[in-house]
Amino acid sequence: MNAPRSLHGLVLAGGRSSRMGADKAALVHPDGRTLARRTHDLLLDAGCEDVVLSLRHDQEIPAGFSDLQGLHTVRDPEGTSGGPLTGIVAAMSVHPDSDWLVLACDLPRLDAATLRHLIASKQPDEMLLSYRSEFDGLPEPLCALYAAAALPLLSAMEFRCPRKLLIRHECRLLDPVTPRALDNANTPHDWQSAIKP
């Protein structure tokens, strides 16, 4: 019997936040942490062995990490514009034998129960596992588990959109355990709505 693979966490914080008008990764959550730091901490709390912060090649590390020694980062190669898939492939290529729990940094309502349920639900031979969107029933690719075996699929970059990749490869979908936990904040209006109790 094969030993379980290690699980790494990835915070996707390299977006340009053009619709928000400010760096989403640096927005301060009501709990006092920046969104990127809160996402990082949730991944550790959920049981990830290590957490990596994904950034653009020219991006400063977002606020909120100054107290951490040895923060692990991975940067998109210069000149690439493949969106989240570029960051996922760059991170997975550093630890290709690990499974990865991948999160966007703009999920202000995300909770540890959602992540723990996702991790506990993964079957040993499963390559992709995600939640079903409460809005359209499609996969939520930026709160999803990508097994090490998925790296060749991702590297092929057949799709720029990770959601399309999950649909094409018949990713199993879980129903959300916490209502609105996967609401993302792309605009100031989204942000205000998401942080309301």
Protein backbone atom coordinates (compact mmCIF):
# COMPACT_ATOMS: atom_id res chain seq x y z
CA MET A 1 0.00 0.00 0.00
CA ASN A 2 1.38 3.41 -0.97
CA ALA A 3 1.97 5.96 1.77
CA PRO A 4 -0.25 9.03 1.51
CA ARG A 5 1.34 11.93 -0.33
CA SER A 6 2.15 15.13 1.49
CA LEU A 7 -0.34 17.97 1.10
CA HIS A 8 0.85 21.47 0.27
CA GLY A 9 -1.27 24.59 0.24
CA LEU A 10 -1.18 27.31 -2.40
CA VAL A 11 -2.44 30.88 -2.01
CA LEU A 12 -3.07 32.47 -5.40
CA ALA A 13 -2.32 36.14 -4.79
CA GLY A 14 -0.93 37.22 -8.18
CA GLY A 15 -4.03 38.70 -9.76
CA ARG A 16 -4.03 42.34 -10.83
CA SER A 17 -7.26 43.16 -8.93
CA SER A 18 -8.34 45.56 -11.68
CA ARG A 19 -12.05 45.35 -10.82
CA MET A 20 -11.36 45.90 -7.12
CA GLY A 21 -9.13 48.94 -7.76
CA ALA A 22 -6.77 47.80 -4.98
CA ASP A 23 -4.68 44.70 -4.32
CA LYS A 24 -7.18 42.12 -3.03
CA ALA A 25 -4.42 40.17 -1.29
CA ALA A 26 -3.71 43.20 0.92
CA LEU A 27 -7.33 43.97 1.88
CA VAL A 28 -7.77 43.75 5.64
CA HIS A 29 -10.34 41.23 6.79
CA PRO A 30 -12.55 42.10 9.79
CA ASP A 31 -10.37 39.72 11.84
CA GLY A 32 -7.38 42.06 11.31
CA ARG A 33 -5.40 39.92 8.87
CA THR A 34 -4.90 40.66 5.20
CA LEU A 35 -6.79 38.32 2.87
CA ALA A 36 -3.58 36.67 1.68
CA ARG A 37 -2.37 36.06 5.24
CA ARG A 38 -5.77 34.77 6.38
CA THR A 39 -5.83 32.32 3.46
CA HIS A 40 -2.29 31.20 4.27
CA ASP A 41 -3.23 30.57 7.90
CA LEU A 42 -6.41 28.68 6.98
CA LEU A 43 -4.36 26.29 4.84
CA LEU A 44 -1.99 25.59 7.72
CA ASP A 45 -4.89 25.16 10.15
CA ALA A 46 -6.51 22.69 7.75
CA GLY A 47 -3.42 20.48 7.88
CA CYS A 48 -1.22 21.47 4.94
CA GLU A 49 2.41 20.54 5.51
CA ASP A 50 3.61 23.77 3.91
CA VAL A 51 1.97 26.79 2.27
CA VAL A 52 3.27 28.61 -0.80
CA LEU A 53 2.29 32.12 -1.88
CA SER A 54 1.92 32.53 -5.66
CA LEU A 55 2.81 35.96 -7.07
CA ARG A 56 3.43 37.64 -10.41
CA HIS A 57 7.09 37.85 -11.40
CA ASP A 58 7.28 41.57 -10.52
CA GLN A 59 4.95 41.65 -7.50
CA GLU A 60 5.88 42.67 -3.96
CA ILE A 61 4.90 40.30 -1.17
CA PRO A 62 1.52 41.55 0.10
CA ALA A 63 1.25 43.11 3.53
CA GLY A 64 0.67 40.85 6.51
CA PHE A 65 3.61 38.46 6.33
CA SER A 66 6.39 40.44 8.03
CA ASP A 67 6.30 38.23 11.14
CA LEU A 68 6.87 35.01 9.18
CA GLN A 69 10.36 33.63 8.77
CA GLY A 70 10.96 31.66 5.59
CA LEU A 71 7.73 32.42 3.75
CA HIS A 72 7.72 30.24 0.64
CA THR A 73 6.82 32.01 -2.58
CA VAL A 74 6.65 31.02 -6.22
CA ARG A 75 6.52 33.51 -9.06
CA ASP A 76 4.99 33.32 -12.50
CA PRO A 77 7.67 33.24 -15.19
CA GLU A 78 8.30 36.66 -16.70
CA GLY A 79 6.19 37.32 -19.77
CA THR A 80 3.50 34.77 -18.94
CA SER A 81 -0.17 35.64 -18.68
CA GLY A 82 -1.84 32.30 -18.11
CA GLY A 83 -3.83 33.41 -15.08
CA PRO A 84 -4.27 31.09 -12.11
CA LEU A 85 -3.13 28.00 -14.02
CA THR A 86 0.32 29.53 -14.42
CA GLY A 87 0.63 29.92 -10.65
CA ILE A 88 -0.71 26.44 -9.96
CA VAL A 89 1.75 24.81 -12.37
CA ALA A 90 4.68 26.86 -11.06
CA ALA A 91 3.94 25.76 -7.48
CA MET A 92 3.22 22.12 -8.27
CA SER A 93 6.44 21.90 -10.27
CA VAL A 94 8.43 22.76 -7.13
CA HIS A 95 6.95 19.78 -5.25
CA PRO A 96 5.66 17.49 -8.03
CA ASP A 97 5.17 14.51 -5.72
CA SER A 98 2.76 16.37 -3.42
CA ASP A 99 -0.95 16.94 -3.61
CA TRP A 100 -2.06 20.58 -3.51
CA LEU A 101 -4.95 22.41 -1.91
CA VAL A 102 -5.30 25.54 -4.06
CA LEU A 103 -7.10 28.67 -2.87
CA ALA A 104 -7.74 32.09 -4.31
CA CYS A 105 -6.90 34.82 -1.81
CA ASP A 106 -10.22 36.63 -2.34
CA LEU A 107 -12.53 34.36 -0.31
CA PRO A 108 -13.26 36.43 2.81
CA ARG A 109 -15.95 34.06 4.12
CA LEU A 110 -13.89 30.89 3.75
CA ASP A 111 -13.70 28.78 6.90
CA ALA A 112 -11.56 25.90 8.15
CA ALA A 113 -14.52 23.48 8.14
CA THR A 114 -14.83 23.90 4.36
CA LEU A 115 -11.16 23.02 3.85
CA ARG A 116 -11.14 20.11 6.28
CA HIS A 117 -14.19 18.60 4.59
CA LEU A 118 -12.53 18.88 1.19
CA ILE A 119 -9.35 17.20 2.44
CA ALA A 120 -11.24 14.42 4.25
CA SER A 121 -13.39 13.71 1.18
CA LYS A 122 -10.52 13.03 -1.23
CA GLN A 123 -10.27 9.43 -2.37
CA PRO A 124 -6.76 7.96 -2.82
CA ASP A 125 -6.94 7.62 -6.62
CA GLU A 126 -8.74 10.92 -7.20
CA MET A 127 -6.90 13.45 -9.33
CA LEU A 128 -9.22 16.46 -8.89
CA LEU A 129 -11.76 17.38 -6.21
CA SER A 130 -13.71 20.60 -5.85
CA TYR A 131 -16.84 22.18 -4.48
CA ARG A 132 -19.95 22.84 -6.53
CA SER A 133 -20.66 26.57 -6.92
CA GLU A 134 -23.75 27.75 -5.07
CA PHE A 135 -24.40 30.15 -7.98
CA ASP A 136 -24.15 28.03 -11.12
CA GLY A 137 -23.45 24.45 -10.04
CA LEU A 138 -20.05 24.42 -11.78
CA PRO A 139 -16.72 23.50 -10.15
CA GLU A 140 -15.00 26.01 -7.86
CA PRO A 141 -11.44 25.59 -9.21
CA LEU A 142 -9.82 28.00 -6.76
CA CYS A 143 -10.88 26.04 -3.71
CA ALA A 144 -9.92 22.62 -4.95
CA LEU A 145 -7.56 19.70 -4.48
CA TYR A 146 -5.15 18.88 -7.29
CA ALA A 147 -3.33 15.56 -6.89
CA ALA A 148 0.26 15.21 -8.03
CA ALA A 149 -1.00 13.15 -10.98
CA ALA A 150 -2.83 16.22 -12.32
CA LEU A 151 0.37 18.15 -13.04
CA PRO A 152 0.76 16.89 -16.65
CA LEU A 153 -2.83 17.94 -17.41
CA LEU A 154 -2.26 21.39 -15.97
CA SER A 155 1.13 21.78 -17.64
CA ALA A 156 -0.38 21.07 -21.05
CA MET A 157 -2.29 24.38 -20.67
CA GLU A 158 -5.02 23.07 -22.95
CA PHE A 159 -7.31 25.52 -21.18
CA ARG A 160 -6.44 28.89 -19.66
CA CYS A 161 -9.46 28.56 -17.39
CA PRO A 162 -9.02 26.04 -14.56
CA ARG A 163 -12.81 25.64 -14.32
CA LYS A 164 -12.91 24.33 -17.89
CA LEU A 165 -10.13 21.90 -17.07
CA LEU A 166 -12.08 20.53 -14.09
CA ILE A 167 -15.23 20.19 -16.18
CA ARG A 168 -13.40 18.44 -19.02
CA HIS A 169 -11.72 15.96 -16.68
CA GLU A 170 -14.88 15.15 -14.73
CA CYS A 171 -13.80 16.51 -11.39
CA ARG A 172 -15.98 15.17 -8.58
CA LEU A 173 -17.94 17.96 -6.90
CA LEU A 174 -18.88 18.29 -3.25
CA ASP A 175 -21.80 20.29 -1.97
CA PRO A 176 -20.70 23.25 0.18
CA VAL A 177 -20.72 22.65 3.94
CA THR A 178 -20.88 26.32 4.96
CA PRO A 179 -23.24 28.62 3.05
CA ARG A 180 -21.43 31.44 1.18
CA ALA A 181 -17.98 30.22 2.28
CA LEU A 182 -16.81 30.42 -1.33
CA ASP A 183 -18.19 33.88 -2.12
CA ASN A 184 -15.34 35.77 -3.75
CA ALA A 185 -14.69 39.49 -3.68
CA ASN A 186 -13.84 40.92 -7.10
CA THR A 187 -15.31 44.41 -6.71
CA PRO A 188 -15.78 46.88 -3.84
CA HIS A 189 -19.48 45.91 -3.77
CA ASP A 190 -18.58 42.20 -3.52
CA TRP A 191 -16.17 43.01 -0.70
CA GLN A 192 -18.73 44.96 1.33
CA SER A 193 -21.30 42.20 0.84
CA ALA A 194 -18.85 39.44 1.74
CA ILE A 195 -17.69 40.97 5.02
CA LYS A 196 -21.19 41.62 6.34
CA PRO A 197 -22.12 39.17 9.11
